[in-house]
Amino acid sequence: MTAQPIPRESPQLNYIVHGAGAIGCVLGARLTQAGRSVALIARGDHLAALQHTGLHISGYTEGHFRLPAARRAHELSIDSNTVVLLAMKTQHTFEAIEQHRELYDDVPLFCFQNSVTNEEWLTEQGFRAYGVMVRIGARIDEPGVVTHTGARRAQIGCWPTGSDELCAAVVDDFVAADMRASVDDNVSVAKWGKLVLNLTNAFSALIDLPVQEWFCDEETRFFMADLQEEAADVLDAAGISPIMDDGKDLRAWIERMRIPGRREPRGDSDPVMHSYPSTWQDLHFRRPTVEVEHFNGRICELGEKFGIDTPLNRTLNELCQDAAARRLGPGTETVASLRAAALR
């Protein structure tokens, strides 16, 4: 049975952030600052810190928060006004949902992850999934301590298209939390655009490059353009037309990437506020898995389906997963070594 949308005149929404890592903590903190009800689901040392000393957050969001925090949602209060914000990485979604299958059966699930796998899988499984294209830079500095390094944007819609009253209610809450939030009736198109941007996550991790410097040097920018052109060829064949971060289509985005010359770093020039994608953070903390199979790996799968070669995406997918499995940390490759590996 599918739950009916929560009407706008209903009581205040009750938010559970499932997967309260860096981005999830930013979401929870901002909603709390706006007076909304928030609880966190986390694990390990981070959960222990959240429970004992609370959440300390600095940067573009600041404060000390004592929020309910648990390992599973079964320990929290869930009612007819509960909304779950899924903020764990894609590879952790499946186990988390299986552990909460009955509990989440009629609960709206908003996917703040970076791939489209989450919404697709949840919909196939019969859950009530919503898509969110999120742009937040954040990192965990130590358990319970988070730095919000930049951006606070969210586009929210029904999956794969459309919107309802609940989308509008959640957007209203995020706007109250000083987020750049909006309802998006074609959120899947925006999420495919974000997936194309996330093809660079493995690249950034393997060469140890902060987000602020992605577009500076021609060598790195042209590599990313070639990487995304592979995706453009594949997505054209699949009939998918992603919209990029600047509102342009993918081919126009790539054309801009190929304009010669050095560019200034984007965003905050203070190295303390530099952002690194979650894949870099996974390698940095020597975690055994990364999310790239749902980014670069997805492009490779579609390439195989339509007979299109994707050597750069294949190389990044394989090398990044290998680096995680071997606990190598960021910075094991260069642009030149990656191009050479793609030719093999």
C-alpha atoms as a PDB file:
ATOM      1  CA  MET A   1       0.000   0.000   0.000  1.00  0.00           C
ATOM      2  CA  THR A   2       1.330   3.421  -0.958  1.00  0.00           C
ATOM      3  CA  ALA A   3       0.909   6.228   1.544  1.00  0.00           C
ATOM      4  CA  GLN A   4      -0.943   9.326   0.387  1.00  0.00           C
ATOM      5  CA  PRO A   5       0.993  12.599   0.016  1.00  0.00           C
ATOM      6  CA  ILE A   6       1.163  14.620   3.197  1.00  0.00           C
ATOM      7  CA  PRO A   7      -1.006  17.713   2.628  1.00  0.00           C
ATOM      8  CA  ARG A   8       0.529  21.143   3.116  1.00  0.00           C
ATOM      9  CA  GLU A   9      -1.802  21.924   6.029  1.00  0.00           C
ATOM     10  CA  SER A  10      -0.623  18.836   7.923  1.00  0.00           C
ATOM     11  CA  PRO A  11       1.424  19.123  11.125  1.00  0.00           C
ATOM     12  CA  GLN A  12       5.142  19.813  10.881  1.00  0.00           C
ATOM     13  CA  LEU A  13       7.199  17.149   9.165  1.00  0.00           C
ATOM     14  CA  ASN A  14       9.367  14.839  11.244  1.00  0.00           C
ATOM     15  CA  TYR A  15      12.748  14.355   9.523  1.00  0.00           C
ATOM     16  CA  ILE A  16      15.064  11.370   9.877  1.00  0.00           C
ATOM     17  CA  VAL A  17      18.453  11.761   8.179  1.00  0.00           C
ATOM     18  CA  HIS A  18      19.488   8.180   7.410  1.00  0.00           C
ATOM     19  CA  GLY A  19      23.203   8.164   6.701  1.00  0.00           C
ATOM     20  CA  ALA A  20      24.234  11.228   8.698  1.00  0.00           C
ATOM     21  CA  GLY A  21      27.731  11.643   7.352  1.00  0.00           C
ATOM     22  CA  ALA A  22      29.054  15.024   6.291  1.00  0.00           C
ATOM     23  CA  ILE A  23      26.214  16.050   3.974  1.00  0.00           C
ATOM     24  CA  GLY A  24      23.557  14.440   6.155  1.00  0.00           C
ATOM     25  CA  CYS A  25      24.823  16.383   9.157  1.00  0.00           C
ATOM     26  CA  VAL A  26      24.667  19.664   7.234  1.00  0.00           C
ATOM     27  CA  LEU A  27      21.064  18.881   6.295  1.00  0.00           C
ATOM     28  CA  GLY A  28      20.181  17.977   9.880  1.00  0.00           C
ATOM     29  CA  ALA A  29      21.861  21.041  11.352  1.00  0.00           C
ATOM     30  CA  ARG A  30      20.218  23.475   8.950  1.00  0.00           C
ATOM     31  CA  LEU A  31      16.750  21.974   9.432  1.00  0.00           C
ATOM     32  CA  THR A  32      17.255  22.132  13.202  1.00  0.00           C
ATOM     33  CA  GLN A  33      18.274  25.780  12.981  1.00  0.00           C
ATOM     34  CA  ALA A  34      14.985  26.378  11.135  1.00  0.00           C
ATOM     35  CA  GLY A  35      13.069  24.817  14.022  1.00  0.00           C
ATOM     36  CA  ARG A  36      12.262  21.506  12.328  1.00  0.00           C
ATOM     37  CA  SER A  37      12.221  18.125  14.086  1.00  0.00           C
ATOM     38  CA  VAL A  38      15.318  16.102  13.118  1.00  0.00           C
ATOM     39  CA  ALA A  39      16.883  12.787  14.164  1.00  0.00           C
ATOM     40  CA  LEU A  40      20.055  11.202  12.776  1.00  0.00           C
ATOM     41  CA  ILE A  41      21.035   7.662  11.858  1.00  0.00           C
ATOM     42  CA  ALA A  42      24.771   7.058  11.765  1.00  0.00           C
ATOM     43  CA  ARG A  43      27.264   4.356  12.684  1.00  0.00           C
ATOM     44  CA  GLY A  44      30.636   3.668  14.251  1.00  0.00           C
ATOM     45  CA  ASP A  45      32.709   6.303  16.030  1.00  0.00           C
ATOM     46  CA  HIS A  46      30.732   9.073  14.357  1.00  0.00           C
ATOM     47  CA  LEU A  47      27.506   7.806  15.917  1.00  0.00           C
ATOM     48  CA  ALA A  48      29.170   7.472  19.325  1.00  0.00           C
ATOM     49  CA  ALA A  49      30.351  11.085  19.130  1.00  0.00           C
ATOM     50  CA  LEU A  50      26.934  12.341  18.031  1.00  0.00           C
ATOM     51  CA  GLN A  51      25.350  10.551  20.990  1.00  0.00           C
ATOM     52  CA  HIS A  52      27.863  11.616  23.629  1.00  0.00           C
ATOM     53  CA  THR A  53      29.126  15.069  22.646  1.00  0.00           C
ATOM     54  CA  GLY A  54      26.744  16.091  19.868  1.00  0.00           C
ATOM     55  CA  LEU A  55      27.366  17.474  16.401  1.00  0.00           C
ATOM     56  CA  HIS A  56      29.912  20.273  16.018  1.00  0.00           C
ATOM     57  CA  ILE A  57      29.703  21.948  12.633  1.00  0.00           C
ATOM     58  CA  SER A  58      31.596  24.921  11.195  1.00  0.00           C
ATOM     59  CA  GLY A  59      32.114  26.709   7.897  1.00  0.00           C
ATOM     60  CA  TYR A  60      29.024  27.711   5.931  1.00  0.00           C
ATOM     61  CA  THR A  61      26.883  26.185   8.684  1.00  0.00           C
ATOM     62  CA  GLU A  62      27.881  26.692  12.295  1.00  0.00           C
ATOM     63  CA  GLY A  63      26.750  25.433  15.663  1.00  0.00           C
ATOM     64  CA  HIS A  64      26.687  22.686  18.264  1.00  0.00           C
ATOM     65  CA  PHE A  65      23.664  20.421  18.080  1.00  0.00           C
ATOM     66  CA  ARG A  66      22.396  17.715  20.415  1.00  0.00           C
ATOM     67  CA  LEU A  67      20.125  15.702  18.132  1.00  0.00           C
ATOM     68  CA  PRO A  68      18.611  12.256  18.663  1.00  0.00           C
ATOM     69  CA  ALA A  69      21.032   9.814  17.012  1.00  0.00           C
ATOM     70  CA  ALA A  70      20.705   6.071  16.556  1.00  0.00           C
ATOM     71  CA  ARG A  71      22.115   3.185  14.561  1.00  0.00           C
ATOM     72  CA  ARG A  72      18.715   2.130  13.214  1.00  0.00           C
ATOM     73  CA  ALA A  73      15.420   3.916  12.706  1.00  0.00           C
ATOM     74  CA  HIS A  74      13.707   1.324  14.902  1.00  0.00           C
ATOM     75  CA  GLU A  75      15.126   3.271  17.870  1.00  0.00           C
ATOM     76  CA  LEU A  76      13.460   6.517  16.738  1.00  0.00           C
ATOM     77  CA  SER A  77       9.912   7.824  16.643  1.00  0.00           C
ATOM     78  CA  ILE A  78       8.203   7.349  13.272  1.00  0.00           C
ATOM     79  CA  ASP A  79       4.707   8.671  12.604  1.00  0.00           C
ATOM     80  CA  SER A  80       2.486   9.601   9.664  1.00  0.00           C
ATOM     81  CA  ASN A  81       4.428  12.867   9.202  1.00  0.00           C
ATOM     82  CA  THR A  82       7.870  11.243   9.051  1.00  0.00           C
ATOM     83  CA  VAL A  83      10.077  11.896   6.033  1.00  0.00           C
ATOM     84  CA  VAL A  84      13.368  10.025   5.599  1.00  0.00           C
ATOM     85  CA  LEU A  85      16.297  11.761   3.910  1.00  0.00           C
ATOM     86  CA  LEU A  86      18.632   9.072   2.557  1.00  0.00           C
ATOM     87  CA  ALA A  87      22.167  10.481   2.657  1.00  0.00           C
ATOM     88  CA  MET A  88      24.316   7.352   2.775  1.00  0.00           C
ATOM     89  CA  LYS A  89      26.392   6.400  -0.259  1.00  0.00           C
ATOM     90  CA  THR A  90      24.687   4.328  -2.933  1.00  0.00           C
ATOM     91  CA  GLN A  91      26.544   1.099  -2.122  1.00  0.00           C
ATOM     92  CA  HIS A  92      25.232   1.281   1.449  1.00  0.00           C
ATOM     93  CA  THR A  93      21.621   1.993   0.449  1.00  0.00           C
ATOM     94  CA  PHE A  94      20.610  -1.594  -0.250  1.00  0.00           C
ATOM     95  CA  GLU A  95      21.588  -3.062   3.113  1.00  0.00           C
ATOM     96  CA  ALA A  96      20.171  -0.072   4.992  1.00  0.00           C
ATOM     97  CA  ILE A  97      16.809  -0.382   3.268  1.00  0.00           C
ATOM     98  CA  GLU A  98      16.670  -4.144   3.717  1.00  0.00           C
ATOM     99  CA  GLN A  99      17.210  -3.623   7.464  1.00  0.00           C
ATOM    100  CA  HIS A 100      14.277  -1.179   7.474  1.00  0.00           C
ATOM    101  CA  ARG A 101      12.067  -2.728   4.775  1.00  0.00           C
ATOM    102  CA  GLU A 102       8.913  -3.100   6.851  1.00  0.00           C
ATOM    103  CA  LEU A 103       9.454   0.123   8.797  1.00  0.00           C
ATOM    104  CA  TYR A 104       9.954   2.187   5.630  1.00  0.00           C
ATOM    105  CA  ASP A 105       7.199   0.505   3.631  1.00  0.00           C
ATOM    106  CA  ASP A 106       4.916   3.570   3.591  1.00  0.00           C
ATOM    107  CA  VAL A 107       7.455   6.267   4.510  1.00  0.00           C
ATOM    108  CA  PRO A 108       8.530   8.837   1.865  1.00  0.00           C
ATOM    109  CA  LEU A 109      12.214   8.324   1.025  1.00  0.00           C
ATOM    110  CA  PHE A 110      14.110  11.311  -0.393  1.00  0.00           C
ATOM    111  CA  CYS A 111      17.321  10.273  -2.160  1.00  0.00           C
ATOM    112  CA  PHE A 112      20.109  12.778  -1.514  1.00  0.00           C
ATOM    113  CA  GLN A 113      22.702  10.470  -3.057  1.00  0.00           C
ATOM    114  CA  ASN A 114      24.605  11.293  -6.214  1.00  0.00           C
ATOM    115  CA  SER A 115      23.590   8.477  -8.548  1.00  0.00           C
ATOM    116  CA  VAL A 116      20.229   7.515 -10.029  1.00  0.00           C
ATOM    117  CA  THR A 117      20.587   3.918  -8.821  1.00  0.00           C
ATOM    118  CA  ASN A 118      18.911   4.686  -5.499  1.00  0.00           C
ATOM    119  CA  GLU A 119      15.642   5.985  -6.922  1.00  0.00           C
ATOM    120  CA  GLU A 120      15.516   3.296  -9.597  1.00  0.00           C
ATOM    121  CA  TRP A 121      16.079   0.453  -7.140  1.00  0.00           C
ATOM    122  CA  LEU A 122      13.691   1.812  -4.500  1.00  0.00           C
ATOM    123  CA  THR A 123      10.956   2.269  -7.108  1.00  0.00           C
ATOM    124  CA  GLU A 124      11.469  -1.298  -8.365  1.00  0.00           C
ATOM    125  CA  GLN A 125      11.210  -2.501  -4.772  1.00  0.00           C
ATOM    126  CA  GLY A 126       7.874  -0.743  -4.309  1.00  0.00           C
ATOM    127  CA  PHE A 127       9.035   2.090  -2.043  1.00  0.00           C
ATOM    128  CA  ARG A 128       7.890   5.685  -2.317  1.00  0.00           C
ATOM    129  CA  ALA A 129      11.028   7.328  -3.706  1.00  0.00           C
ATOM    130  CA  TYR A 130      11.696  10.993  -4.389  1.00  0.00           C
ATOM    131  CA  GLY A 131      14.689  12.355  -6.277  1.00  0.00           C
ATOM    132  CA  VAL A 132      16.952  15.097  -4.977  1.00  0.00           C
ATOM    133  CA  MET A 133      19.767  16.750  -6.916  1.00  0.00           C
ATOM    134  CA  VAL A 134      21.893  18.041  -4.059  1.00  0.00           C
ATOM    135  CA  ARG A 135      24.928  20.330  -4.147  1.00  0.00           C
ATOM    136  CA  ILE A 136      26.613  20.509  -0.738  1.00  0.00           C
ATOM    137  CA  GLY A 137      30.327  20.409  -0.021  1.00  0.00           C
ATOM    138  CA  ALA A 138      31.163  19.005   3.396  1.00  0.00           C
ATOM    139  CA  ARG A 139      33.608  16.749   5.191  1.00  0.00           C
ATOM    140  CA  ILE A 140      33.919  14.907   8.488  1.00  0.00           C
ATOM    141  CA  ASP A 141      37.101  16.128  10.199  1.00  0.00           C
ATOM    142  CA  GLU A 142      36.767  13.693  13.083  1.00  0.00           C
ATOM    143  CA  PRO A 143      33.849  11.799  14.613  1.00  0.00           C
ATOM    144  CA  GLY A 144      31.088  14.267  15.422  1.00  0.00           C
ATOM    145  CA  VAL A 145      32.945  17.205  13.813  1.00  0.00           C
ATOM    146  CA  VAL A 146      31.895  18.421  10.351  1.00  0.00           C
ATOM    147  CA  THR A 147      32.972  21.314   8.135  1.00  0.00           C
ATOM    148  CA  HIS A 148      30.474  22.680   5.610  1.00  0.00           C
ATOM    149  CA  THR A 149      32.813  23.773   2.816  1.00  0.00           C
ATOM    150  CA  GLY A 150      30.352  25.167   0.304  1.00  0.00           C
ATOM    151  CA  ALA A 151      27.017  25.183  -1.549  1.00  0.00           C
ATOM    152  CA  ARG A 152      23.545  24.505  -0.189  1.00  0.00           C
ATOM    153  CA  ARG A 153      21.392  23.642  -3.178  1.00  0.00           C
ATOM    154  CA  ALA A 154      18.652  21.042  -3.603  1.00  0.00           C
ATOM    155  CA  GLN A 155      16.223  20.328  -6.447  1.00  0.00           C
ATOM    156  CA  ILE A 156      13.420  18.016  -5.337  1.00  0.00           C
ATOM    157  CA  GLY A 157      10.783  16.100  -7.282  1.00  0.00           C
ATOM    158  CA  CYS A 158       8.841  12.888  -7.636  1.00  0.00           C
ATOM    159  CA  TRP A 159      10.708  10.093  -9.365  1.00  0.00           C
ATOM    160  CA  PRO A 160      11.240  10.113 -12.294  1.00  0.00           C
ATOM    161  CA  THR A 161       9.079  13.150 -13.085  1.00  0.00           C
ATOM    162  CA  GLY A 162       6.430  15.338 -11.537  1.00  0.00           C
ATOM    163  CA  SER A 163       5.892  16.795  -8.079  1.00  0.00           C
ATOM    164  CA  ASP A 164       3.339  16.707  -5.285  1.00  0.00           C
ATOM    165  CA  GLU A 165       2.377  18.547  -2.117  1.00  0.00           C
ATOM    166  CA  LEU A 166       5.065  16.756  -0.124  1.00  0.00           C
ATOM    167  CA  CYS A 167       7.787  17.984  -2.483  1.00  0.00           C
ATOM    168  CA  ALA A 168       6.544  21.526  -1.919  1.00  0.00           C
ATOM    169  CA  ALA A 169       6.424  21.053   1.867  1.00  0.00           C
ATOM    170  CA  VAL A 170       9.978  19.714   2.019  1.00  0.00           C
ATOM    171  CA  VAL A 171      11.221  22.526  -0.233  1.00  0.00           C
ATOM    172  CA  ASP A 172       9.523  25.064   2.042  1.00  0.00           C
ATOM    173  CA  ASP A 173      11.367  23.587   5.029  1.00  0.00           C
ATOM    174  CA  PHE A 174      14.694  23.722   3.236  1.00  0.00           C
ATOM    175  CA  VAL A 175      14.116  27.296   2.134  1.00  0.00           C
ATOM    176  CA  ALA A 176      13.376  28.116   5.779  1.00  0.00           C
ATOM    177  CA  ALA A 177      16.734  26.451   6.534  1.00  0.00           C
ATOM    178  CA  ASP A 178      18.423  28.937   4.146  1.00  0.00           C
ATOM    179  CA  MET A 179      18.940  26.321   1.439  1.00  0.00           C
ATOM    180  CA  ARG A 180      18.650  27.129  -2.262  1.00  0.00           C
ATOM    181  CA  ALA A 181      15.849  24.621  -2.682  1.00  0.00           C
ATOM    182  CA  SER A 182      13.265  24.285  -5.435  1.00  0.00           C
ATOM    183  CA  VAL A 183      10.689  21.867  -6.793  1.00  0.00           C
ATOM    184  CA  ASP A 184      11.875  20.187 -10.004  1.00  0.00           C
ATOM    185  CA  ASP A 185       9.312  18.349 -12.132  1.00  0.00           C
ATOM    186  CA  ASN A 186      12.154  16.760 -14.145  1.00  0.00           C
ATOM    187  CA  VAL A 187      14.502  15.885 -11.313  1.00  0.00           C
ATOM    188  CA  SER A 188      15.808  12.760 -13.070  1.00  0.00           C
ATOM    189  CA  VAL A 189      17.321  14.967 -15.801  1.00  0.00           C
ATOM    190  CA  ALA A 190      19.088  17.049 -13.153  1.00  0.00           C
ATOM    191  CA  LYS A 191      20.313  13.918 -11.385  1.00  0.00           C
ATOM    192  CA  TRP A 192      21.766  12.525 -14.596  1.00  0.00           C
ATOM    193  CA  GLY A 193      23.579  15.845 -14.978  1.00  0.00           C
ATOM    194  CA  LYS A 194      24.958  15.469 -11.452  1.00  0.00           C
ATOM    195  CA  LEU A 195      25.991  11.897 -12.244  1.00  0.00           C
ATOM    196  CA  VAL A 196      28.036  13.212 -15.182  1.00  0.00           C
ATOM    197  CA  LEU A 197      29.725  15.693 -12.847  1.00  0.00           C
ATOM    198  CA  ASN A 198      30.390  12.859 -10.401  1.00  0.00           C
ATOM    199  CA  LEU A 199      32.346  11.003 -13.081  1.00  0.00           C
ATOM    200  CA  THR A 200      35.124  13.343 -11.961  1.00  0.00           C
ATOM    201  CA  ASN A 201      35.007  12.103  -8.339  1.00  0.00           C
ATOM    202  CA  ALA A 202      37.268   9.132  -9.038  1.00  0.00           C
ATOM    203  CA  PHE A 203      39.612  11.367 -11.063  1.00  0.00           C
ATOM    204  CA  SER A 204      39.793  13.893  -8.218  1.00  0.00           C
ATOM    205  CA  ALA A 205      40.536  11.138  -5.704  1.00  0.00           C
ATOM    206  CA  LEU A 206      43.167   9.368  -7.764  1.00  0.00           C
ATOM    207  CA  ILE A 207      45.164  12.552  -8.554  1.00  0.00           C
ATOM    208  CA  ASP A 208      44.377  14.241  -5.185  1.00  0.00           C
ATOM    209  CA  LEU A 209      42.702  17.372  -6.565  1.00  0.00           C
ATOM    210  CA  PRO A 210      40.277  19.597  -4.587  1.00  0.00           C
ATOM    211  CA  VAL A 211      37.007  20.637  -6.209  1.00  0.00           C
ATOM    212  CA  GLN A 212      38.072  24.300  -6.240  1.00  0.00           C
ATOM    213  CA  GLU A 213      40.905  23.417  -8.666  1.00  0.00           C
ATOM    214  CA  TRP A 214      39.033  21.064 -10.977  1.00  0.00           C
ATOM    215  CA  PHE A 215      38.734  23.606 -13.779  1.00  0.00           C
ATOM    216  CA  CYS A 216      42.008  25.519 -13.409  1.00  0.00           C
ATOM    217  CA  ASP A 217      44.621  23.743 -15.517  1.00  0.00           C
ATOM    218  CA  GLU A 218      44.019  22.757 -19.112  1.00  0.00           C
ATOM    219  CA  GLU A 219      45.445  19.278 -18.521  1.00  0.00           C
ATOM    220  CA  THR A 220      42.901  18.381 -15.854  1.00  0.00           C
ATOM    221  CA  ARG A 221      40.001  20.249 -17.464  1.00  0.00           C
ATOM    222  CA  PHE A 222      40.562  18.631 -20.865  1.00  0.00           C
ATOM    223  CA  PHE A 223      40.751  15.189 -19.230  1.00  0.00           C
ATOM    224  CA  MET A 224      37.373  15.836 -17.610  1.00  0.00           C
ATOM    225  CA  ALA A 225      35.971  17.027 -20.944  1.00  0.00           C
ATOM    226  CA  ASP A 226      37.124  13.797 -22.633  1.00  0.00           C
ATOM    227  CA  LEU A 227      35.681  11.780 -19.751  1.00  0.00           C
ATOM    228  CA  GLN A 228      32.330  13.516 -20.027  1.00  0.00           C
ATOM    229  CA  GLU A 229      32.314  13.259 -23.817  1.00  0.00           C
ATOM    230  CA  GLU A 230      32.353   9.480 -23.423  1.00  0.00           C
ATOM    231  CA  ALA A 231      29.269   9.879 -21.246  1.00  0.00           C
ATOM    232  CA  ALA A 232      27.629  12.224 -23.778  1.00  0.00           C
ATOM    233  CA  ASP A 233      28.023   9.643 -26.557  1.00  0.00           C
ATOM    234  CA  VAL A 234      26.573   6.911 -24.367  1.00  0.00           C
ATOM    235  CA  LEU A 235      23.685   8.988 -23.028  1.00  0.00           C
ATOM    236  CA  ASP A 236      22.772  10.172 -26.533  1.00  0.00           C
ATOM    237  CA  ALA A 237      22.475   6.533 -27.561  1.00  0.00           C
ATOM    238  CA  ALA A 238      20.353   5.817 -24.487  1.00  0.00           C
ATOM    239  CA  GLY A 239      18.038   8.775 -25.151  1.00  0.00           C
ATOM    240  CA  ILE A 240      19.014  10.545 -21.913  1.00  0.00           C
ATOM    241  CA  SER A 241      19.503  14.332 -22.010  1.00  0.00           C
ATOM    242  CA  PRO A 242      21.088  15.527 -18.754  1.00  0.00           C
ATOM    243  CA  ILE A 243      21.003  19.152 -17.668  1.00  0.00           C
ATOM    244  CA  MET A 244      24.265  20.347 -16.195  1.00  0.00           C
ATOM    245  CA  ASP A 245      24.997  22.561 -13.210  1.00  0.00           C
ATOM    246  CA  ASP A 246      24.890  25.768 -15.252  1.00  0.00           C
ATOM    247  CA  GLY A 247      21.547  24.853 -16.819  1.00  0.00           C
ATOM    248  CA  LYS A 248      23.135  23.951 -20.161  1.00  0.00           C
ATOM    249  CA  ASP A 249      22.977  20.638 -21.976  1.00  0.00           C
ATOM    250  CA  LEU A 250      25.963  18.298 -21.737  1.00  0.00           C
ATOM    251  CA  ARG A 251      27.479  19.058 -25.161  1.00  0.00           C
ATOM    252  CA  ALA A 252      27.461  22.809 -24.456  1.00  0.00           C
ATOM    253  CA  TRP A 253      29.041  22.129 -21.038  1.00  0.00           C
ATOM    254  CA  ILE A 254      31.836  20.089 -22.670  1.00  0.00           C
ATOM    255  CA  GLU A 255      32.439  22.796 -25.276  1.00  0.00           C
ATOM    256  CA  ARG A 256      32.961  25.314 -22.467  1.00  0.00           C
ATOM    257  CA  MET A 257      35.377  22.922 -20.754  1.00  0.00           C
ATOM    258  CA  ARG A 258      37.531  22.841 -23.896  1.00  0.00           C
ATOM    259  CA  ILE A 259      38.093  26.610 -24.041  1.00  0.00           C
ATOM    260  CA  PRO A 260      41.880  27.047 -23.716  1.00  0.00           C
ATOM    261  CA  GLY A 261      43.664  28.877 -20.924  1.00  0.00           C
ATOM    262  CA  ARG A 262      44.145  28.671 -17.209  1.00  0.00           C
ATOM    263  CA  ARG A 263      41.230  29.558 -14.943  1.00  0.00           C
ATOM    264  CA  GLU A 264      41.125  30.841 -11.392  1.00  0.00           C
ATOM    265  CA  PRO A 265      40.109  28.442  -8.615  1.00  0.00           C
ATOM    266  CA  ARG A 266      36.390  28.328  -7.871  1.00  0.00           C
ATOM    267  CA  GLY A 267      34.923  29.251  -4.505  1.00  0.00           C
ATOM    268  CA  ASP A 268      36.867  29.813  -1.299  1.00  0.00           C
ATOM    269  CA  SER A 269      40.636  30.186  -1.795  1.00  0.00           C
ATOM    270  CA  ASP A 270      41.372  29.167   1.817  1.00  0.00           C
ATOM    271  CA  PRO A 271      42.772  25.595   1.724  1.00  0.00           C
ATOM    272  CA  VAL A 272      40.993  24.898   5.017  1.00  0.00           C
ATOM    273  CA  MET A 273      37.704  25.343   3.160  1.00  0.00           C
ATOM    274  CA  HIS A 274      38.673  23.251   0.156  1.00  0.00           C
ATOM    275  CA  SER A 275      36.140  20.598  -0.813  1.00  0.00           C
ATOM    276  CA  TYR A 276      36.919  17.030  -1.772  1.00  0.00           C
ATOM    277  CA  PRO A 277      34.294  14.681  -3.179  1.00  0.00           C
ATOM    278  CA  SER A 278      33.087  11.784  -1.069  1.00  0.00           C
ATOM    279  CA  THR A 279      35.182   9.371  -3.154  1.00  0.00           C
ATOM    280  CA  TRP A 280      38.342  11.247  -2.144  1.00  0.00           C
ATOM    281  CA  GLN A 281      37.202  11.066   1.469  1.00  0.00           C
ATOM    282  CA  ASP A 282      36.658   7.312   1.151  1.00  0.00           C
ATOM    283  CA  LEU A 283      40.231   6.823  -0.045  1.00  0.00           C
ATOM    284  CA  HIS A 284      41.572   9.280   2.541  1.00  0.00           C
ATOM    285  CA  PHE A 285      39.957   7.366   5.399  1.00  0.00           C
ATOM    286  CA  ARG A 286      40.995   4.025   3.839  1.00  0.00           C
ATOM    287  CA  ARG A 287      37.420   2.808   3.470  1.00  0.00           C
ATOM    288  CA  PRO A 288      37.128  -0.469   1.536  1.00  0.00           C
ATOM    289  CA  THR A 289      34.440   0.590  -0.972  1.00  0.00           C
ATOM    290  CA  VAL A 290      33.717   3.575  -3.189  1.00  0.00           C
ATOM    291  CA  GLU A 291      30.615   4.727  -5.057  1.00  0.00           C
ATOM    292  CA  VAL A 292      32.183   4.995  -8.517  1.00  0.00           C
ATOM    293  CA  GLU A 293      30.577   1.861  -9.949  1.00  0.00           C
ATOM    294  CA  HIS A 294      27.303   3.825  -9.832  1.00  0.00           C
ATOM    295  CA  PHE A 295      28.904   6.771 -11.674  1.00  0.00           C
ATOM    296  CA  ASN A 296      31.669   5.707 -14.076  1.00  0.00           C
ATOM    297  CA  GLY A 297      30.522   2.097 -13.898  1.00  0.00           C
ATOM    298  CA  ARG A 298      27.039   3.087 -15.002  1.00  0.00           C
ATOM    299  CA  ILE A 299      28.439   4.840 -18.084  1.00  0.00           C
ATOM    300  CA  CYS A 300      30.510   1.748 -18.859  1.00  0.00           C
ATOM    301  CA  GLU A 301      27.433  -0.483 -18.596  1.00  0.00           C
ATOM    302  CA  LEU A 302      25.489   1.708 -21.000  1.00  0.00           C
ATOM    303  CA  GLY A 303      28.513   1.845 -23.302  1.00  0.00           C
ATOM    304  CA  GLU A 304      28.589  -1.952 -23.480  1.00  0.00           C
ATOM    305  CA  LYS A 305      24.853  -2.031 -24.132  1.00  0.00           C
ATOM    306  CA  PHE A 306      25.105   0.374 -27.074  1.00  0.00           C
ATOM    307  CA  GLY A 307      28.524  -0.706 -28.374  1.00  0.00           C
ATOM    308  CA  ILE A 308      30.370   2.513 -27.430  1.00  0.00           C
ATOM    309  CA  ASP A 309      33.889   2.447 -25.993  1.00  0.00           C
ATOM    310  CA  THR A 310      34.383   4.188 -22.633  1.00  0.00           C
ATOM    311  CA  PRO A 311      38.109   3.696 -21.853  1.00  0.00           C
ATOM    312  CA  LEU A 312      38.528   6.675 -19.501  1.00  0.00           C
ATOM    313  CA  ASN A 313      35.471   5.801 -17.426  1.00  0.00           C
ATOM    314  CA  ARG A 314      36.521   2.144 -17.365  1.00  0.00           C
ATOM    315  CA  THR A 315      40.006   3.073 -16.159  1.00  0.00           C
ATOM    316  CA  LEU A 316      38.762   5.368 -13.393  1.00  0.00           C
ATOM    317  CA  ASN A 317      36.215   2.818 -12.235  1.00  0.00           C
ATOM    318  CA  GLU A 318      38.757   0.003 -12.062  1.00  0.00           C
ATOM    319  CA  LEU A 319      41.656   1.970 -10.548  1.00  0.00           C
ATOM    320  CA  CYS A 320      39.538   3.722  -7.941  1.00  0.00           C
ATOM    321  CA  GLN A 321      37.906   0.506  -6.780  1.00  0.00           C
ATOM    322  CA  ASP A 322      41.337  -1.128  -6.654  1.00  0.00           C
ATOM    323  CA  ALA A 323      42.754   1.777  -4.615  1.00  0.00           C
ATOM    324  CA  ALA A 324      39.927   1.418  -2.106  1.00  0.00           C
ATOM    325  CA  ALA A 325      40.308  -2.340  -1.842  1.00  0.00           C
ATOM    326  CA  ARG A 326      44.080  -1.935  -1.250  1.00  0.00           C
ATOM    327  CA  ARG A 327      43.625   1.041   1.135  1.00  0.00           C
ATOM    328  CA  LEU A 328      46.022   3.157  -0.964  1.00  0.00           C
ATOM    329  CA  GLY A 329      44.707   6.636  -0.179  1.00  0.00           C
ATOM    330  CA  PRO A 330      44.345   9.551  -2.650  1.00  0.00           C
ATOM    331  CA  GLY A 331      47.012  10.690  -5.106  1.00  0.00           C
ATOM    332  CA  THR A 332      48.270   7.393  -6.550  1.00  0.00           C
ATOM    333  CA  GLU A 333      47.891   8.549 -10.179  1.00  0.00           C
ATOM    334  CA  THR A 334      48.563  11.475 -12.502  1.00  0.00           C
ATOM    335  CA  VAL A 335      46.675  12.680 -15.549  1.00  0.00           C
ATOM    336  CA  ALA A 336      49.384  11.144 -17.729  1.00  0.00           C
ATOM    337  CA  SER A 337      49.279   7.771 -15.976  1.00  0.00           C
ATOM    338  CA  LEU A 338      45.489   7.640 -16.275  1.00  0.00           C
ATOM    339  CA  ARG A 339      45.592   8.393 -20.001  1.00  0.00           C
ATOM    340  CA  ALA A 340      48.257   5.734 -20.464  1.00  0.00           C
ATOM    341  CA  ALA A 341      46.190   3.182 -18.518  1.00  0.00           C
ATOM    342  CA  ALA A 342      43.141   3.923 -20.683  1.00  0.00           C
ATOM    343  CA  LEU A 343      45.123   2.969 -23.796  1.00  0.00           C
ATOM    344  CA  ARG A 344      45.939  -0.494 -22.475  1.00  0.00           C
END
